[in-house]
PDB file of N, CA and C in Angstrom:
ATOM      1  N   UNK A   1       0.854  -1.174   0.000  1.00  0.00           N
ATOM      2  CA  UNK A   1       0.000   0.000   0.000  1.00  0.00           C
ATOM      3  C   UNK A   1       0.900   1.237   0.000  1.00  0.00           C
ATOM      4  N   UNK A   2       0.688   2.100  -0.952  1.00  0.00           N
ATOM      5  CA  UNK A   2       1.527   3.290  -1.115  1.00  0.00           C
ATOM      6  C   UNK A   2       1.057   4.426  -0.212  1.00  0.00           C
ATOM      7  N   UNK A   3       1.995   4.984   0.567  1.00  0.00           N
ATOM      8  CA  UNK A   3       1.688   6.115   1.436  1.00  0.00           C
ATOM      9  C   UNK A   3       2.079   7.441   0.806  1.00  0.00           C
ATOM     10  N   UNK A   4       3.202   7.449   0.096  1.00  0.00           N
ATOM     11  CA  UNK A   4       3.723   8.691  -0.468  1.00  0.00           C
ATOM     12  C   UNK A   4       4.425   8.400  -1.780  1.00  0.00           C
ATOM     13  N   UNK A   5       4.155   9.235  -2.776  1.00  0.00           N
ATOM     14  CA  UNK A   5       4.848   9.143  -4.057  1.00  0.00           C
ATOM     15  C   UNK A   5       5.281  10.533  -4.479  1.00  0.00           C
ATOM     16  N   UNK A   6       6.543  10.673  -4.826  1.00  0.00           N
ATOM     17  CA  UNK A   6       7.078  11.885  -5.444  1.00  0.00           C
ATOM     18  C   UNK A   6       7.549  11.494  -6.828  1.00  0.00           C
ATOM     19  N   UNK A   7       7.257  12.320  -7.806  1.00  0.00           N
ATOM     20  CA  UNK A   7       7.722  12.059  -9.165  1.00  0.00           C
ATOM     21  C   UNK A   7       8.263  13.344  -9.766  1.00  0.00           C
ATOM     22  N   UNK A   8       9.500  13.292 -10.210  1.00  0.00           N
ATOM     23  CA  UNK A   8      10.141  14.396 -10.937  1.00  0.00           C
ATOM     24  C   UNK A   8      10.117  15.721 -10.175  1.00  0.00           C
ATOM     25  N   UNK A   9      10.379  15.677  -8.889  1.00  0.00           N
ATOM     26  CA  UNK A   9      10.352  16.876  -8.051  1.00  0.00           C
ATOM     27  C   UNK A   9      11.716  17.566  -8.103  1.00  0.00           C
ATOM     28  N   UNK A  10      11.696  18.849  -8.400  1.00  0.00           N
ATOM     29  CA  UNK A  10      12.911  19.660  -8.510  1.00  0.00           C
ATOM     30  C   UNK A  10      12.751  20.886  -7.625  1.00  0.00           C
ATOM     31  N   UNK A  11      13.861  21.322  -7.035  1.00  0.00           N
ATOM     32  CA  UNK A  11      13.834  22.543  -6.228  1.00  0.00           C
ATOM     33  C   UNK A  11      15.189  23.220  -6.315  1.00  0.00           C
ATOM     34  N   UNK A  12      15.151  24.520  -6.528  1.00  0.00           N
ATOM     35  CA  UNK A  12      16.391  25.301  -6.560  1.00  0.00           C
ATOM     36  C   UNK A  12      16.136  26.644  -5.903  1.00  0.00           C
ATOM     37  N   UNK A  13      17.233  27.268  -5.496  1.00  0.00           N
ATOM     38  CA  UNK A  13      17.209  28.635  -4.991  1.00  0.00           C
ATOM     39  C   UNK A  13      18.174  29.413  -5.856  1.00  0.00           C
ATOM     40  N   UNK A  14      17.639  30.267  -6.693  1.00  0.00           N
ATOM     41  CA  UNK A  14      18.495  31.004  -7.618  1.00  0.00           C
ATOM     42  C   UNK A  14      19.211  30.031  -8.532  1.00  0.00           C
ATOM     43  N   UNK A  15      20.522  30.135  -8.588  1.00  0.00           N
ATOM     44  CA  UNK A  15      21.331  29.262  -9.440  1.00  0.00           C
ATOM     45  C   UNK A  15      21.608  27.901  -8.796  1.00  0.00           C
ATOM     46  N   UNK A  16      21.386  27.790  -7.481  1.00  0.00           N
ATOM     47  CA  UNK A  16      21.719  26.546  -6.781  1.00  0.00           C
ATOM     48  C   UNK A  16      20.574  25.542  -6.886  1.00  0.00           C
ATOM     49  N   UNK A  17      20.841  24.421  -7.544  1.00  0.00           N
ATOM     50  CA  UNK A  17      19.856  23.346  -7.651  1.00  0.00           C
ATOM     51  C   UNK A  17      20.066  22.408  -6.468  1.00  0.00           C
ATOM     52  N   UNK A  18      19.054  22.288  -5.613  1.00  0.00           N
ATOM     53  CA  UNK A  18      19.159  21.400  -4.456  1.00  0.00           C
ATOM     54  C   UNK A  18      18.907  19.950  -4.849  1.00  0.00           C
ATOM     55  N   UNK A  19      17.869  19.734  -5.646  1.00  0.00           N
ATOM     56  CA  UNK A  19      17.600  18.398  -6.174  1.00  0.00           C
ATOM     57  C   UNK A  19      16.834  18.539  -7.481  1.00  0.00           C
ATOM     58  N   UNK A  20      17.044  17.561  -8.351  1.00  0.00           N
ATOM     59  CA  UNK A  20      16.447  17.622  -9.688  1.00  0.00           C
ATOM     60  C   UNK A  20      15.802  16.278 -10.012  1.00  0.00           C
ATOM     61  N   UNK A  21      14.527  16.331 -10.352  1.00  0.00           N
ATOM     62  CA  UNK A  21      13.777  15.152 -10.794  1.00  0.00           C
ATOM     63  C   UNK A  21      13.843  13.990  -9.808  1.00  0.00           C
ATOM     64  N   UNK A  22      13.673  14.298  -8.520  1.00  0.00           N
ATOM     65  CA  UNK A  22      13.644  13.239  -7.509  1.00  0.00           C
ATOM     66  C   UNK A  22      12.331  12.480  -7.632  1.00  0.00           C
ATOM     67  N   UNK A  23      12.423  11.167  -7.603  1.00  0.00           N
ATOM     68  CA  UNK A  23      11.245  10.304  -7.538  1.00  0.00           C
ATOM     69  C   UNK A  23      11.424   9.374  -6.349  1.00  0.00           C
ATOM     70  N   UNK A  24      10.354   9.178  -5.593  1.00  0.00           N
ATOM     71  CA  UNK A  24      10.422   8.403  -4.363  1.00  0.00           C
ATOM     72  C   UNK A  24       9.058   7.784  -4.117  1.00  0.00           C
ATOM     73  N   UNK A  25       9.060   6.521  -3.709  1.00  0.00           N
ATOM     74  CA  UNK A  25       7.815   5.833  -3.362  1.00  0.00           C
ATOM     75  C   UNK A  25       8.005   5.214  -1.984  1.00  0.00           C
ATOM     76  N   UNK A  26       7.110   5.520  -1.063  1.00  0.00           N
ATOM     77  CA  UNK A  26       7.172   4.951   0.276  1.00  0.00           C
ATOM     78  C   UNK A  26       5.896   4.146   0.495  1.00  0.00           C
ATOM     79  N   UNK A  27       6.084   2.870   0.795  1.00  0.00           N
ATOM     80  CA  UNK A  27       4.963   1.968   1.025  1.00  0.00           C
ATOM     81  C   UNK A  27       4.826   1.653   2.507  1.00  0.00           C
ATOM     82  N   UNK A  28       3.681   1.104   2.870  1.00  0.00           N
ATOM     83  CA  UNK A  28       3.415   0.728   4.251  1.00  0.00           C
ATOM     84  C   UNK A  28       4.550  -0.156   4.775  1.00  0.00           C
ATOM     85  N   UNK A  29       5.027   0.181   5.970  1.00  0.00           N
ATOM     86  CA  UNK A  29       6.057  -0.610   6.618  1.00  0.00           C
ATOM     87  C   UNK A  29       7.477  -0.217   6.274  1.00  0.00           C
ATOM     88  N   UNK A  30       7.660   0.592   5.253  1.00  0.00           N
ATOM     89  CA  UNK A  30       9.012   1.020   4.892  1.00  0.00           C
ATOM     90  C   UNK A  30       9.490   2.112   5.832  1.00  0.00           C
ATOM     91  N   UNK A  31      10.774   2.099   6.086  1.00  0.00           N
ATOM     92  CA  UNK A  31      11.407   3.159   6.872  1.00  0.00           C
ATOM     93  C   UNK A  31      12.526   3.729   6.028  1.00  0.00           C
ATOM     94  N   UNK A  32      12.603   5.048   5.976  1.00  0.00           N
ATOM     95  CA  UNK A  32      13.653   5.686   5.191  1.00  0.00           C
ATOM     96  C   UNK A  32      14.368   6.719   6.046  1.00  0.00           C
ATOM     97  N   UNK A  33      15.533   7.086   5.617  1.00  0.00           N
ATOM     98  CA  UNK A  33      16.284   8.159   6.256  1.00  0.00           C
ATOM     99  C   UNK A  33      16.873   9.053   5.190  1.00  0.00           C
ATOM    100  N   UNK A  34      16.924  10.335   5.465  1.00  0.00           N
ATOM    101  CA  UNK A  34      17.568  11.288   4.564  1.00  0.00           C
ATOM    102  C   UNK A  34      18.910  11.647   5.176  1.00  0.00           C
ATOM    103  N   UNK A  35      19.962  11.213   4.535  1.00  0.00           N
ATOM    104  CA  UNK A  35      21.308  11.434   5.055  1.00  0.00           C
ATOM    105  C   UNK A  35      22.124  12.141   3.986  1.00  0.00           C
ATOM    106  N   UNK A  36      22.610  13.318   4.312  1.00  0.00           N
ATOM    107  CA  UNK A  36      23.435  14.087   3.375  1.00  0.00           C
ATOM    108  C   UNK A  36      24.114  15.212   4.151  1.00  0.00           C
ATOM    109  N   UNK A  37      25.033  15.872   3.497  1.00  0.00           N
ATOM    110  CA  UNK A  37      25.735  17.001   4.107  1.00  0.00           C
ATOM    111  C   UNK A  37      24.775  18.161   4.347  1.00  0.00           C
ATOM    112  N   UNK A  38      25.167  19.047   5.250  1.00  0.00           N
ATOM    113  CA  UNK A  38      24.387  20.262   5.496  1.00  0.00           C
ATOM    114  C   UNK A  38      24.264  21.077   4.214  1.00  0.00           C
ATOM    115  N   UNK A  39      23.083  21.668   4.026  1.00  0.00           N
ATOM    116  CA  UNK A  39      22.881  22.560   2.891  1.00  0.00           C
ATOM    117  C   UNK A  39      22.587  21.870   1.576  1.00  0.00           C
ATOM    118  N   UNK A  40      22.299  20.563   1.618  1.00  0.00           N
ATOM    119  CA  UNK A  40      22.061  19.849   0.364  1.00  0.00           C
ATOM    120  C   UNK A  40      20.589  19.657   0.038  1.00  0.00           C
ATOM    121  N   UNK A  41      19.681  20.109   0.927  1.00  0.00           N
ATOM    122  CA  UNK A  41      18.263  20.097   0.587  1.00  0.00           C
ATOM    123  C   UNK A  41      17.390  19.120   1.350  1.00  0.00           C
ATOM    124  N   UNK A  42      17.888  18.497   2.409  1.00  0.00           N
ATOM    125  CA  UNK A  42      17.069  17.548   3.169  1.00  0.00           C
ATOM    126  C   UNK A  42      15.833  18.228   3.760  1.00  0.00           C
ATOM    127  N   UNK A  43      16.050  19.323   4.449  1.00  0.00           N
ATOM    128  CA  UNK A  43      14.929  20.041   5.058  1.00  0.00           C
ATOM    129  C   UNK A  43      14.005  20.601   3.989  1.00  0.00           C
ATOM    130  N   UNK A  44      14.568  21.101   2.913  1.00  0.00           N
ATOM    131  CA  UNK A  44      13.741  21.640   1.830  1.00  0.00           C
ATOM    132  C   UNK A  44      12.876  20.542   1.227  1.00  0.00           C
ATOM    133  N   UNK A  45      13.430  19.357   1.035  1.00  0.00           N
ATOM    134  CA  UNK A  45      12.636  18.241   0.513  1.00  0.00           C
ATOM    135  C   UNK A  45      11.482  17.929   1.463  1.00  0.00           C
ATOM    136  N   UNK A  46      11.747  17.906   2.758  1.00  0.00           N
ATOM    137  CA  UNK A  46      10.678  17.649   3.722  1.00  0.00           C
ATOM    138  C   UNK A  46       9.637  18.765   3.703  1.00  0.00           C
ATOM    139  N   UNK A  47      10.070  20.004   3.516  1.00  0.00           N
ATOM    140  CA  UNK A  47       9.130  21.126   3.423  1.00  0.00           C
ATOM    141  C   UNK A  47       8.256  20.997   2.173  1.00  0.00           C
ATOM    142  N   UNK A  48       8.823  20.528   1.079  1.00  0.00           N
ATOM    143  CA  UNK A  48       8.049  20.313  -0.151  1.00  0.00           C
ATOM    144  C   UNK A  48       7.029  19.201   0.078  1.00  0.00           C
ATOM    145  N   UNK A  49       7.454  18.090   0.677  1.00  0.00           N
ATOM    146  CA  UNK A  49       6.537  16.980   0.948  1.00  0.00           C
ATOM    147  C   UNK A  49       5.407  17.429   1.865  1.00  0.00           C
ATOM    148  N   UNK A  50       5.720  18.251   2.864  1.00  0.00           N
ATOM    149  CA  UNK A  50       4.713  18.726   3.821  1.00  0.00           C
ATOM    150  C   UNK A  50       3.822  19.822   3.247  1.00  0.00           C
ATOM    151  N   UNK A  51       4.147  20.314   2.057  1.00  0.00           N
ATOM    152  CA  UNK A  51       3.338  21.363   1.442  1.00  0.00           C
ATOM    153  C   UNK A  51       3.675  22.758   1.916  1.00  0.00           C
ATOM    154  N   UNK A  52       4.783  22.918   2.623  1.00  0.00           N
ATOM    155  CA  UNK A  52       5.182  24.237   3.114  1.00  0.00           C
ATOM    156  C   UNK A  52       5.947  25.023   2.067  1.00  0.00           C
ATOM    157  N   UNK A  53       6.449  24.333   1.034  1.00  0.00           N
ATOM    158  CA  UNK A  53       7.107  24.977  -0.107  1.00  0.00           C
ATOM    159  C   UNK A  53       6.655  24.254  -1.361  1.00  0.00           C
ATOM    160  N   UNK A  54       6.637  24.976  -2.467  1.00  0.00           N
ATOM    161  CA  UNK A  54       6.275  24.363  -3.726  1.00  0.00           C
ATOM    162  C   UNK A  54       7.476  23.735  -4.403  1.00  0.00           C
ATOM    163  N   UNK A  55       7.193  22.868  -5.354  1.00  0.00           N
ATOM    164  CA  UNK A  55       8.263  22.287  -6.161  1.00  0.00           C
ATOM    165  C   UNK A  55       8.254  22.967  -7.522  1.00  0.00           C
ATOM    166  N   UNK A  56       9.236  22.646  -8.326  1.00  0.00           N
ATOM    167  CA  UNK A  56       9.369  23.265  -9.639  1.00  0.00           C
ATOM    168  C   UNK A  56       9.165  22.215 -10.724  1.00  0.00           C
ATOM    169  N   UNK A  57       8.799  22.686 -11.888  1.00  0.00           N
ATOM    170  CA  UNK A  57       8.679  21.802 -13.038  1.00  0.00           C
ATOM    171  C   UNK A  57       7.246  21.383 -13.284  1.00  0.00           C
ATOM    172  N   UNK A  58       6.889  21.339 -14.537  1.00  0.00           N
ATOM    173  CA  UNK A  58       5.531  20.968 -14.917  1.00  0.00           C
ATOM    174  C   UNK A  58       5.248  19.493 -14.678  1.00  0.00           C
ATOM    175  N   UNK A  59       6.280  18.670 -14.648  1.00  0.00           N
ATOM    176  CA  UNK A  59       6.119  17.228 -14.495  1.00  0.00           C
ATOM    177  C   UNK A  59       6.019  16.791 -13.031  1.00  0.00           C
ATOM    178  N   UNK A  60       6.286  17.695 -12.089  1.00  0.00           N
ATOM    179  CA  UNK A  60       6.354  17.318 -10.671  1.00  0.00           C
ATOM    180  C   UNK A  60       4.991  16.883 -10.147  1.00  0.00           C
ATOM    181  N   UNK A  61       4.995  15.754  -9.425  1.00  0.00           N
ATOM    182  CA  UNK A  61       3.775  15.243  -8.808  1.00  0.00           C
ATOM    183  C   UNK A  61       4.105  14.775  -7.398  1.00  0.00           C
ATOM    184  N   UNK A  62       3.237  15.127  -6.462  1.00  0.00           N
ATOM    185  CA  UNK A  62       3.368  14.661  -5.086  1.00  0.00           C
ATOM    186  C   UNK A  62       2.012  14.110  -4.674  1.00  0.00           C
ATOM    187  N   UNK A  63       1.991  12.834  -4.303  1.00  0.00           N
ATOM    188  CA  UNK A  63       0.748  12.186  -3.880  1.00  0.00           C
ATOM    189  C   UNK A  63       0.942  11.635  -2.478  1.00  0.00           C
ATOM    190  N   UNK A  64       0.103  12.081  -1.560  1.00  0.00           N
ATOM    191  CA  UNK A  64       0.127  11.608  -0.178  1.00  0.00           C
ATOM    192  C   UNK A  64      -1.240  11.003   0.092  1.00  0.00           C
ATOM    193  N   UNK A  65      -1.265   9.789   0.620  1.00  0.00           N
ATOM    194  CA  UNK A  65      -2.541   9.152   0.902  1.00  0.00           C
ATOM    195  C   UNK A  65      -3.405  10.070   1.753  1.00  0.00           C
ATOM    196  N   UNK A  66      -4.699  10.102   1.486  1.00  0.00           N
ATOM    197  CA  UNK A  66      -5.594  11.071   2.130  1.00  0.00           C
ATOM    198  C   UNK A  66      -5.672  10.933   3.642  1.00  0.00           C
ATOM    199  N   UNK A  67      -5.471   9.739   4.165  1.00  0.00           N
ATOM    200  CA  UNK A  67      -5.574   9.572   5.617  1.00  0.00           C
ATOM    201  C   UNK A  67      -4.232   9.759   6.325  1.00  0.00           C
ATOM    202  N   UNK A  68      -3.222  10.213   5.604  1.00  0.00           N
ATOM    203  CA  UNK A  68      -1.908  10.478   6.181  1.00  0.00           C
ATOM    204  C   UNK A  68      -1.788  11.975   6.444  1.00  0.00           C
ATOM    205  N   UNK A  69      -1.332  12.328   7.642  1.00  0.00           N
ATOM    206  CA  UNK A  69      -1.092  13.729   7.980  1.00  0.00           C
ATOM    207  C   UNK A  69       0.384  13.913   8.272  1.00  0.00           C
ATOM    208  N   UNK A  70       0.882  15.083   7.956  1.00  0.00           N
ATOM    209  CA  UNK A  70       2.277  15.407   8.225  1.00  0.00           C
ATOM    210  C   UNK A  70       2.318  16.502   9.275  1.00  0.00           C
ATOM    211  N   UNK A  71       3.023  16.243  10.356  1.00  0.00           N
ATOM    212  CA  UNK A  71       3.251  17.258  11.375  1.00  0.00           C
ATOM    213  C   UNK A  71       4.588  17.928  11.104  1.00  0.00           C
ATOM    214  N   UNK A  72       4.718  19.164  11.528  1.00  0.00           N
ATOM    215  CA  UNK A  72       5.942  19.909  11.228  1.00  0.00           C
ATOM    216  C   UNK A  72       6.369  20.731  12.426  1.00  0.00           C
ATOM    217  N   UNK A  73       7.631  20.616  12.772  1.00  0.00           N
ATOM    218  CA  UNK A  73       8.228  21.464  13.798  1.00  0.00           C
ATOM    219  C   UNK A  73       9.469  22.073  13.176  1.00  0.00           C
ATOM    220  N   UNK A  74       9.497  23.394  13.064  1.00  0.00           N
ATOM    221  CA  UNK A  74      10.640  24.066  12.452  1.00  0.00           C
ATOM    222  C   UNK A  74      11.921  23.763  13.201  1.00  0.00           C
ATOM    223  N   UNK A  75      13.020  23.722  12.457  1.00  0.00           N
ATOM    224  CA  UNK A  75      14.335  23.516  13.068  1.00  0.00           C
ATOM    225  C   UNK A  75      14.654  24.626  14.053  1.00  0.00           C
ATOM    226  N   UNK A  76      14.223  25.813  13.737  1.00  0.00           N
ATOM    227  CA  UNK A  76      14.485  26.978  14.576  1.00  0.00           C
ATOM    228  C   UNK A  76      13.158  27.654  14.902  1.00  0.00           C
ATOM    229  N   UNK A  77      12.441  27.134  15.921  1.00  0.00           N
ATOM    230  CA  UNK A  77      11.148  27.733  16.246  1.00  0.00           C
ATOM    231  C   UNK A  77      11.306  29.185  16.676  1.00  0.00           C
ATOM    232  N   UNK A  78      10.290  29.959  16.415  1.00  0.00           N
ATOM    233  CA  UNK A  78      10.327  31.390  16.719  1.00  0.00           C
ATOM    234  C   UNK A  78       9.462  31.666  17.948  1.00  0.00           C
ATOM    235  N   UNK A  79      10.124  31.809  19.080  1.00  0.00           N
ATOM    236  CA  UNK A  79       9.441  32.142  20.325  1.00  0.00           C
ATOM    237  C   UNK A  79       9.785  33.572  20.707  1.00  0.00           C
ATOM    238  N   UNK A  80       8.932  34.147  21.534  1.00  0.00           N
ATOM    239  CA  UNK A  80       9.223  35.484  22.033  1.00  0.00           C
ATOM    240  C   UNK A  80      10.477  35.432  22.902  1.00  0.00           C
ATOM    241  N   UNK A  81      11.362  36.396  22.752  1.00  0.00           N
ATOM    242  CA  UNK A  81      12.581  36.413  23.575  1.00  0.00           C
ATOM    243  C   UNK A  81      12.237  36.494  25.061  1.00  0.00           C
ATOM    244  N   UNK A  82      13.017  35.820  25.859  1.00  0.00           N
ATOM    245  CA  UNK A  82      12.841  35.886  27.299  1.00  0.00           C
ATOM    246  C   UNK A  82      11.886  34.861  27.874  1.00  0.00           C
ATOM    247  N   UNK A  83      11.187  34.091  27.025  1.00  0.00           N
ATOM    248  CA  UNK A  83      10.266  33.084  27.543  1.00  0.00           C
ATOM    249  C   UNK A  83      10.991  31.753  27.695  1.00  0.00           C
ATOM    250  N   UNK A  84      10.688  31.050  28.797  1.00  0.00           N
ATOM    251  CA  UNK A  84      11.200  29.689  28.895  1.00  0.00           C
ATOM    252  C   UNK A  84      10.288  28.782  28.066  1.00  0.00           C
ATOM    253  N   UNK A  85      10.599  27.487  27.994  1.00  0.00           N
ATOM    254  CA  UNK A  85       9.854  26.576  27.121  1.00  0.00           C
ATOM    255  C   UNK A  85       8.382  26.514  27.504  1.00  0.00           C
ATOM    256  N   UNK A  86       8.080  26.343  28.777  1.00  0.00           N
ATOM    257  CA  UNK A  86       6.687  26.245  29.208  1.00  0.00           C
ATOM    258  C   UNK A  86       5.918  27.519  28.889  1.00  0.00           C
ATOM    259  N   UNK A  87       6.501  28.660  29.176  1.00  0.00           N
ATOM    260  CA  UNK A  87       5.838  29.938  28.882  1.00  0.00           C
ATOM    261  C   UNK A  87       5.620  30.102  27.379  1.00  0.00           C
ATOM    262  N   UNK A  88       6.575  29.665  26.570  1.00  0.00           N
ATOM    263  CA  UNK A  88       6.427  29.770  25.116  1.00  0.00           C
ATOM    264  C   UNK A  88       5.295  28.881  24.616  1.00  0.00           C
ATOM    265  N   UNK A  89       5.190  27.675  25.168  1.00  0.00           N
ATOM    266  CA  UNK A  89       4.134  26.749  24.750  1.00  0.00           C
ATOM    267  C   UNK A  89       2.763  27.266  25.161  1.00  0.00           C
ATOM    268  N   UNK A  90       2.673  27.889  26.315  1.00  0.00           N
ATOM    269  CA  UNK A  90       1.388  28.382  26.825  1.00  0.00           C
ATOM    270  C   UNK A  90       1.122  29.844  26.486  1.00  0.00           C
ATOM    271  N   UNK A  91       1.979  30.464  25.730  1.00  0.00           N
ATOM    272  CA  UNK A  91       1.859  31.879  25.369  1.00  0.00           C
ATOM    273  C   UNK A  91       0.549  32.134  24.624  1.00  0.00           C
ATOM    274  N   UNK A  92      -0.316  33.008  25.142  1.00  0.00           N
ATOM    275  CA  UNK A  92      -1.582  33.291  24.462  1.00  0.00           C
ATOM    276  C   UNK A  92      -1.408  33.912  23.080  1.00  0.00           C
ATOM    277  N   UNK A  93      -0.218  34.408  22.757  1.00  0.00           N
ATOM    278  CA  UNK A  93       0.024  34.937  21.414  1.00  0.00           C
ATOM    279  C   UNK A  93       0.223  33.808  20.402  1.00  0.00           C
ATOM    280  N   UNK A  94       0.437  32.586  20.890  1.00  0.00           N
ATOM    281  CA  UNK A  94       0.603  31.429  20.022  1.00  0.00           C
ATOM    282  C   UNK A  94      -0.758  31.072  19.423  1.00  0.00           C
ATOM    283  N   UNK A  95      -0.903  31.055  18.091  1.00  0.00           N
ATOM    284  CA  UNK A  95      -2.203  30.781  17.469  1.00  0.00           C
ATOM    285  C   UNK A  95      -2.779  29.422  17.867  1.00  0.00           C
ATOM    286  N   UNK A  96      -1.940  28.431  18.099  1.00  0.00           N
ATOM    287  CA  UNK A  96      -2.444  27.118  18.498  1.00  0.00           C
ATOM    288  C   UNK A  96      -3.055  27.161  19.892  1.00  0.00           C
ATOM    289  N   UNK A  97      -2.486  27.954  20.771  1.00  0.00           N
ATOM    290  CA  UNK A  97      -3.045  28.104  22.115  1.00  0.00           C
ATOM    291  C   UNK A  97      -4.432  28.727  22.018  1.00  0.00           C
ATOM    292  N   UNK A  98      -4.592  29.705  21.161  1.00  0.00           N
ATOM    293  CA  UNK A  98      -5.904  30.352  20.993  1.00  0.00           C
ATOM    294  C   UNK A  98      -6.941  29.360  20.467  1.00  0.00           C
ATOM    295  N   UNK A  99      -6.542  28.488  19.557  1.00  0.00           N
ATOM    296  CA  UNK A  99      -7.470  27.482  19.027  1.00  0.00           C
ATOM    297  C   UNK A  99      -7.923  26.549  20.143  1.00  0.00           C
ATOM    298  N   UNK A 100      -6.988  26.087  20.951  1.00  0.00           N
ATOM    299  CA  UNK A 100      -7.328  25.197  22.064  1.00  0.00           C
ATOM    300  C   UNK A 100      -8.230  25.917  23.056  1.00  0.00           C
ATOM    301  N   UNK A 101      -7.954  27.179  23.363  1.00  0.00           N
ATOM    302  CA  UNK A 101      -8.781  27.938  24.299  1.00  0.00           C
ATOM    303  C   UNK A 101     -10.203  28.086  23.772  1.00  0.00           C
ATOM    304  N   UNK A 102     -10.355  28.336  22.481  1.00  0.00           N
ATOM    305  CA  UNK A 102     -11.700  28.448  21.899  1.00  0.00           C
ATOM    306  C   UNK A 102     -12.436  27.115  21.969  1.00  0.00           C
ATOM    307  N   UNK A 103     -11.699  26.031  21.759  1.00  0.00           N
ATOM    308  CA  UNK A 103     -12.304  24.700  21.802  1.00  0.00           C
ATOM    309  C   UNK A 103     -12.816  24.373  23.196  1.00  0.00           C
ATOM    310  N   UNK A 104     -11.994  24.728  24.209  1.00  0.00           N
ATOM    311  CA  UNK A 104     -12.370  24.417  25.593  1.00  0.00           C
ATOM    312  C   UNK A 104     -13.579  25.236  25.993  1.00  0.00           C
TER     313      UNK A 104
END
C-alpha cells in the first residue's frame, strides 16, 4: 500500500539546484532516512513533501494518501525572547493556544 509518491520533483534557490527530478515511493512498513551534508536540501525536501514549499517543473507530482497527515516542527522555532519553554508553549500569542482555548 503506497503512502507517499514523489515524481520528478525539482527545487532550486536562484542558481543553486538542491535536487532535480527526484522520484520516491514509500509503502506501508518502509522506513527511510535522509542522510546528506548540510545545505544539500534535506529540510527543503521535507518542506516540499509537507506542502510548506512548492516544487518546480511541470512534471512534478506529489501524492500523499488522504488519511496520512504530516506534522511539522521548524528547526528553529520562533518564540518570544525571554520566555522559557513552558511559557512559550502556553503563550496566548501562540495561534495554536488560541485554538485550544476556543475549543475548551
